[in-house]
Amino acid sequence: MSDEPAADLGPEPDATRAPEPATGPDTAGAPGPAPRPEAPRAPVRPLQEGEMVLLVDAKHRRYLVTLIAGGEFHSHAGFIAHDHLIGTDAGREVRSTRSSRYVVLRPTLSDFVLKMPRGAQVIYPKDIGPLLMIADVHPGVRVLESGVGSGALSMGLLRSGADIVGYEIREDFALRAQRNVHGFLGAEVADRYRVEVRDCYEGIDERELDRVVLDLPEPWRVVEPATEALLPGGILVAYTPQITQAVQLRQELDRHGFTMADTVEVMNRGWHIEGQAVRPNHRMVGHTGFLTSARLLGR
């Protein structure tokens, strides 16, 4: 028996491992298997007839369009047939008949609020977001909204899960708000959104409300009825364009058992960022209104 060490033959072959392809003069340069042609990708969530889309041009101008079979979007830069959009994905670029580029997107709530049909002045997105936080709106919260206007705030409240009763003194505004809400959020919110044509200054019929949200010229006139309608600990929030309105509202809240009263103003300043040129935008969305909130003490 030899005392020489056994030759190193390397690791034992793995029976589960596929053999490597042979190489050598007989196989070198032989073509591999032809790649399979990729099947065209089906749209993930195709745009439907009746759906709204946002067309954004190269100068960031925005156009809100409802897709209709056979319809066309026209501008100074040519037109785009709706049929070229229906059944395709959003989030892509298309060209008009004059080769102008547009990005096709589904509109956000902010996009819709700024472009939707309106009668009354709307509460802008920069105030809607903070208002939803101040009022602590969440699914199942019962809200009285008075001064429904064109429905901008209604959509924010509904998106957050609230059940809303709206009081609106003008019938045309009430109809406009309901059309805008159902047009953007769909008919499925109908069971959580009821608008009555009536004057909130004359009283509130609802009881055991969690929130009262006001966009009215004289919100202080609703404070006393709100004490009967709100649950203890419930929140009242009012949007007022003028500080004198907020002052008078605060005085009335103090007289009627509300606590933790607060008034804020929201500013929105964008920034220009292009390469090394970084600075605040020359224009900003400054004053729009004041948000005043308070909570009702139990008796």
Protein backbone atom coordinates (compact mmCIF):
# COMPACT_ATOMS: atom_id res chain seq x y z
CA MET A 1 0.00 0.00 0.00
CA SER A 2 1.47 3.35 -1.08
CA ASP A 3 2.07 6.12 1.46
CA GLU A 4 1.64 8.82 -1.21
CA PRO A 5 -1.30 11.16 -0.65
CA ALA A 6 -4.36 10.58 -2.81
CA ALA A 7 -4.75 12.90 -5.81
CA ASP A 8 -7.16 15.84 -5.30
CA LEU A 9 -10.05 15.12 -7.63
CA GLY A 10 -12.10 18.17 -6.58
CA PRO A 11 -15.62 18.19 -5.13
CA GLU A 12 -17.92 15.34 -5.89
CA PRO A 13 -20.35 16.08 -8.72
CA ASP A 14 -23.76 17.38 -7.68
CA ALA A 15 -26.37 15.03 -9.04
CA THR A 16 -29.00 17.76 -8.92
CA ARG A 17 -27.02 20.28 -10.93
CA ALA A 18 -27.65 20.56 -14.65
CA PRO A 19 -24.60 19.69 -16.75
CA GLU A 20 -22.76 22.62 -18.26
CA PRO A 21 -23.00 22.90 -22.03
CA ALA A 22 -20.20 21.24 -23.91
CA THR A 23 -17.58 23.37 -25.57
CA GLY A 24 -14.99 22.55 -28.18
CA PRO A 25 -14.43 22.61 -31.86
CA ASP A 26 -17.73 20.90 -32.58
CA THR A 27 -19.81 23.40 -30.61
CA ALA A 28 -17.86 26.66 -30.74
CA GLY A 29 -19.73 29.34 -32.64
CA ALA A 30 -22.95 27.29 -32.79
CA PRO A 31 -26.02 29.52 -32.50
CA GLY A 32 -27.92 29.28 -29.22
CA PRO A 33 -31.68 28.86 -28.96
CA ALA A 34 -33.60 31.73 -30.55
CA PRO A 35 -35.13 34.11 -27.97
CA ARG A 36 -38.87 33.92 -27.64
CA PRO A 37 -40.66 37.02 -28.91
CA GLU A 38 -42.19 38.98 -26.05
CA ALA A 39 -45.96 39.14 -26.05
CA PRO A 40 -47.34 42.67 -26.02
CA ARG A 41 -48.14 43.74 -22.48
CA ALA A 42 -51.83 44.16 -21.76
CA PRO A 43 -52.83 47.43 -20.06
CA VAL A 44 -52.72 47.02 -16.30
CA ARG A 45 -55.73 49.24 -15.61
CA PRO A 46 -56.97 50.48 -18.97
CA LEU A 47 -58.69 53.82 -19.34
CA GLN A 48 -62.44 53.45 -19.79
CA GLU A 49 -65.03 55.42 -21.70
CA GLY A 50 -66.60 57.94 -19.31
CA GLU A 51 -63.42 58.17 -17.22
CA MET A 52 -61.66 61.50 -16.64
CA VAL A 53 -58.06 61.99 -17.66
CA LEU A 54 -55.60 64.82 -17.23
CA LEU A 55 -53.61 65.85 -20.30
CA VAL A 56 -50.43 67.78 -19.46
CA ASP A 57 -48.55 69.53 -22.26
CA ALA A 58 -44.85 70.39 -22.53
CA LYS A 59 -45.44 73.71 -20.72
CA HIS A 60 -47.21 71.89 -17.85
CA ARG A 61 -50.62 73.25 -18.81
CA ARG A 62 -53.33 70.88 -17.63
CA TYR A 63 -56.55 69.90 -19.35
CA LEU A 64 -59.26 67.80 -17.69
CA VAL A 65 -61.03 65.60 -20.25
CA THR A 66 -63.83 63.05 -19.98
CA LEU A 67 -63.26 60.22 -22.46
CA ILE A 68 -66.08 59.61 -24.96
CA ALA A 69 -65.96 57.07 -27.78
CA GLY A 70 -65.52 59.02 -31.01
CA GLY A 71 -64.66 62.21 -29.12
CA GLU A 72 -61.64 64.44 -29.63
CA PHE A 73 -59.56 66.78 -27.49
CA HIS A 74 -58.75 69.96 -29.45
CA SER A 75 -56.22 72.67 -28.69
CA HIS A 76 -54.04 75.11 -30.62
CA ALA A 77 -51.58 72.20 -30.97
CA GLY A 78 -53.87 69.86 -32.91
CA PHE A 79 -56.19 67.20 -31.57
CA ILE A 80 -56.10 63.78 -29.90
CA ALA A 81 -58.79 61.21 -30.58
CA HIS A 82 -60.31 59.80 -27.40
CA ASP A 83 -60.34 56.37 -29.06
CA HIS A 84 -56.53 56.45 -29.00
CA LEU A 85 -56.66 56.70 -25.20
CA ILE A 86 -59.56 54.38 -24.32
CA GLY A 87 -58.29 50.90 -23.52
CA THR A 88 -54.68 52.00 -22.97
CA ASP A 89 -52.67 52.72 -19.84
CA ALA A 90 -52.43 56.09 -18.13
CA GLY A 91 -48.98 57.41 -17.25
CA ARG A 92 -47.67 57.56 -20.81
CA GLU A 93 -46.95 60.11 -23.51
CA VAL A 94 -49.10 60.69 -26.59
CA ARG A 95 -48.85 63.09 -29.50
CA SER A 96 -51.46 65.28 -31.09
CA THR A 97 -52.04 65.52 -34.83
CA ARG A 98 -49.46 68.33 -34.87
CA SER A 99 -46.90 66.21 -32.98
CA SER A 100 -47.29 68.09 -29.70
CA ARG A 101 -46.55 65.90 -26.69
CA TYR A 102 -48.99 65.32 -23.84
CA VAL A 103 -48.68 63.13 -20.76
CA VAL A 104 -51.88 61.20 -20.00
CA LEU A 105 -52.66 60.79 -16.29
CA ARG A 106 -55.56 59.96 -14.05
CA PRO A 107 -56.32 63.19 -12.18
CA THR A 108 -55.67 63.43 -8.46
CA LEU A 109 -58.27 65.02 -6.19
CA SER A 110 -56.14 68.17 -6.15
CA ASP A 111 -56.10 68.25 -9.97
CA PHE A 112 -59.86 67.85 -10.10
CA VAL A 113 -60.59 70.52 -7.48
CA LEU A 114 -58.58 73.08 -9.45
CA LYS A 115 -60.15 72.19 -12.83
CA MET A 116 -63.70 71.05 -12.00
CA PRO A 117 -66.85 73.00 -12.91
CA ARG A 118 -67.72 75.40 -10.13
CA GLY A 119 -70.27 77.95 -9.13
CA ALA A 120 -68.99 79.05 -5.73
CA GLN A 121 -65.37 79.71 -4.84
CA VAL A 122 -63.78 76.51 -3.57
CA ILE A 123 -61.59 75.75 -0.58
CA TYR A 124 -58.21 75.05 -2.16
CA PRO A 125 -56.19 71.85 -1.71
CA LYS A 126 -53.61 73.60 0.47
CA ASP A 127 -56.36 74.21 3.06
CA ILE A 128 -58.34 71.00 2.56
CA GLY A 129 -55.43 68.78 3.62
CA PRO A 130 -54.75 70.57 6.94
CA LEU A 131 -58.49 70.88 7.61
CA LEU A 132 -58.91 67.10 7.37
CA MET A 133 -56.14 66.68 9.96
CA ILE A 134 -57.45 69.43 12.26
CA ALA A 135 -60.93 67.88 12.18
CA ASP A 136 -59.45 64.37 12.56
CA VAL A 137 -61.65 62.95 9.80
CA HIS A 138 -61.59 59.16 9.48
CA PRO A 139 -63.92 56.37 8.32
CA GLY A 140 -67.30 56.43 10.04
CA VAL A 141 -67.11 60.02 11.35
CA ARG A 142 -70.48 61.80 11.06
CA VAL A 143 -70.02 65.30 9.65
CA LEU A 144 -72.32 68.23 9.07
CA GLU A 145 -70.84 70.36 6.28
CA SER A 146 -72.50 73.72 5.73
CA GLY A 147 -71.65 75.90 2.77
CA VAL A 148 -71.14 72.98 0.38
CA GLY A 149 -70.40 75.24 -2.59
CA SER A 150 -68.94 73.27 -5.51
CA GLY A 151 -68.12 70.15 -3.47
CA ALA A 152 -64.33 70.45 -3.13
CA LEU A 153 -64.26 69.96 0.63
CA SER A 154 -67.00 67.32 0.40
CA MET A 155 -64.71 65.19 -1.76
CA GLY A 156 -61.85 65.47 0.73
CA LEU A 157 -64.14 64.48 3.60
CA LEU A 158 -65.62 61.55 1.67
CA ARG A 159 -62.20 60.34 0.54
CA SER A 160 -61.25 60.20 4.23
CA GLY A 161 -64.26 58.00 4.97
CA ALA A 162 -66.73 60.49 6.50
CA ASP A 163 -70.52 60.26 6.36
CA ILE A 164 -71.74 63.72 5.37
CA VAL A 165 -74.95 65.68 5.64
CA GLY A 166 -74.55 68.93 3.72
CA TYR A 167 -76.58 72.11 4.20
CA GLU A 168 -76.48 74.48 1.22
CA ILE A 169 -78.71 77.52 0.86
CA ARG A 170 -78.52 77.66 -2.95
CA GLU A 171 -80.08 74.84 -4.92
CA ASP A 172 -77.82 75.37 -7.96
CA PHE A 173 -74.73 75.04 -5.76
CA ALA A 174 -76.14 71.91 -4.11
CA LEU A 175 -76.76 70.27 -7.51
CA ARG A 176 -73.33 71.30 -8.78
CA ALA A 177 -71.62 69.86 -5.69
CA GLN A 178 -73.42 66.54 -6.04
CA ARG A 179 -72.54 66.31 -9.74
CA ASN A 180 -68.88 67.02 -9.04
CA VAL A 181 -68.72 64.56 -6.14
CA HIS A 182 -70.40 61.73 -8.03
CA GLY A 183 -68.46 62.53 -11.21
CA PHE A 184 -65.09 62.17 -9.49
CA LEU A 185 -65.72 59.66 -6.69
CA GLY A 186 -68.46 57.63 -8.38
CA ALA A 187 -71.97 56.65 -7.37
CA GLU A 188 -70.67 54.39 -4.59
CA VAL A 189 -70.38 57.38 -2.23
CA ALA A 190 -74.07 58.27 -2.62
CA ASP A 191 -75.04 56.45 0.59
CA ARG A 192 -72.53 58.59 2.54
CA TYR A 193 -73.42 61.96 1.02
CA ARG A 194 -76.72 63.77 1.42
CA VAL A 195 -77.19 67.46 0.61
CA GLU A 196 -80.20 69.46 1.78
CA VAL A 197 -81.16 72.88 0.45
CA ARG A 198 -81.54 74.80 3.68
CA ASP A 199 -80.06 77.57 5.83
CA CYS A 200 -77.74 76.38 8.60
CA TYR A 201 -78.26 79.67 10.46
CA GLU A 202 -81.82 78.52 11.16
CA GLY A 203 -80.68 75.45 13.07
CA ILE A 204 -79.29 71.93 12.77
CA ASP A 205 -81.66 68.96 12.83
CA GLU A 206 -78.95 66.28 13.07
CA ARG A 207 -77.86 65.02 16.47
CA GLU A 208 -74.84 63.08 17.78
CA LEU A 209 -72.53 64.53 15.14
CA ASP A 210 -68.79 64.04 15.46
CA ARG A 211 -67.80 67.11 13.44
CA VAL A 212 -69.31 70.38 12.19
CA VAL A 213 -67.39 71.90 9.27
CA LEU A 214 -68.36 75.38 8.09
CA ASP A 215 -67.58 77.52 5.05
CA LEU A 216 -69.98 80.38 5.73
CA PRO A 217 -69.78 84.20 5.91
CA GLU A 218 -71.02 84.25 9.55
CA PRO A 219 -69.97 80.95 11.17
CA TRP A 220 -70.49 82.35 14.68
CA ARG A 221 -74.24 82.09 14.08
CA VAL A 222 -73.89 78.30 13.93
CA VAL A 223 -71.99 77.90 17.22
CA GLU A 224 -75.08 77.71 19.45
CA PRO A 225 -76.92 75.15 17.23
CA ALA A 226 -73.67 73.17 17.04
CA THR A 227 -73.62 72.75 20.84
CA GLU A 228 -76.88 70.78 20.54
CA ALA A 229 -75.83 68.79 17.49
CA LEU A 230 -72.27 67.76 18.46
CA LEU A 231 -71.28 64.95 20.78
CA PRO A 232 -69.16 65.98 23.78
CA GLY A 233 -65.58 66.27 22.57
CA GLY A 234 -66.78 66.86 19.01
CA ILE A 235 -64.88 69.27 16.80
CA LEU A 236 -66.08 72.39 15.01
CA VAL A 237 -63.90 73.74 12.18
CA ALA A 238 -64.63 76.88 10.17
CA TYR A 239 -62.92 78.32 7.09
CA THR A 240 -63.02 82.12 6.94
CA PRO A 241 -61.30 84.41 4.42
CA GLN A 242 -61.05 87.37 6.83
CA ILE A 243 -59.39 87.52 10.25
CA THR A 244 -62.26 89.62 11.63
CA GLN A 245 -64.57 86.66 10.94
CA ALA A 246 -62.21 84.37 12.85
CA VAL A 247 -62.10 86.81 15.79
CA GLN A 248 -65.88 86.97 16.07
CA LEU A 249 -66.12 83.19 15.79
CA ARG A 250 -63.57 82.72 18.58
CA GLN A 251 -65.54 85.01 20.87
CA GLU A 252 -68.71 82.99 20.29
CA LEU A 253 -66.90 79.68 20.84
CA ASP A 254 -65.65 80.94 24.22
CA ARG A 255 -69.20 81.85 25.25
CA HIS A 256 -70.65 78.42 24.41
CA GLY A 257 -68.48 75.90 26.19
CA PHE A 258 -65.87 75.13 23.56
CA THR A 259 -62.25 74.59 24.48
CA MET A 260 -58.84 74.29 22.78
CA ALA A 261 -59.76 76.96 20.25
CA ASP A 262 -57.09 77.57 17.62
CA THR A 263 -56.75 79.60 14.43
CA VAL A 264 -54.14 78.90 11.75
CA GLU A 265 -53.26 80.16 8.29
CA VAL A 266 -51.60 77.86 5.76
CA MET A 267 -48.97 79.17 3.35
CA ASN A 268 -47.66 77.25 0.35
CA ARG A 269 -44.33 78.32 -1.16
CA GLY A 270 -42.83 76.27 -3.97
CA TRP A 271 -39.17 76.15 -4.98
CA HIS A 272 -37.50 76.52 -8.34
CA ILE A 273 -34.89 73.77 -8.75
CA GLU A 274 -33.05 73.58 -12.07
CA GLY A 275 -29.45 72.45 -11.99
CA GLN A 276 -27.51 74.84 -9.76
CA ALA A 277 -30.29 77.43 -9.85
CA VAL A 278 -32.14 76.84 -6.58
CA ARG A 279 -34.41 79.50 -5.09
CA PRO A 280 -37.97 80.04 -3.86
CA ASN A 281 -40.50 80.59 -6.63
CA HIS A 282 -41.21 84.22 -7.40
CA ARG A 283 -44.92 83.50 -6.91
CA MET A 284 -46.53 81.61 -4.04
CA VAL A 285 -50.00 80.66 -2.88
CA GLY A 286 -50.21 82.96 0.09
CA HIS A 287 -53.36 83.92 1.96
CA THR A 288 -56.58 82.11 1.11
CA GLY A 289 -58.28 81.79 4.47
CA PHE A 290 -58.08 81.00 8.17
CA LEU A 291 -58.92 77.66 9.77
CA THR A 292 -60.46 77.98 13.24
CA SER A 293 -61.16 74.90 15.32
CA ALA A 294 -62.42 74.07 18.81
CA ARG A 295 -63.76 71.13 20.80
CA LEU A 296 -67.06 70.99 22.66
CA LEU A 297 -66.92 70.36 26.39
CA GLY A 298 -69.37 67.93 27.95
CA ARG A 299 -72.09 69.33 30.17
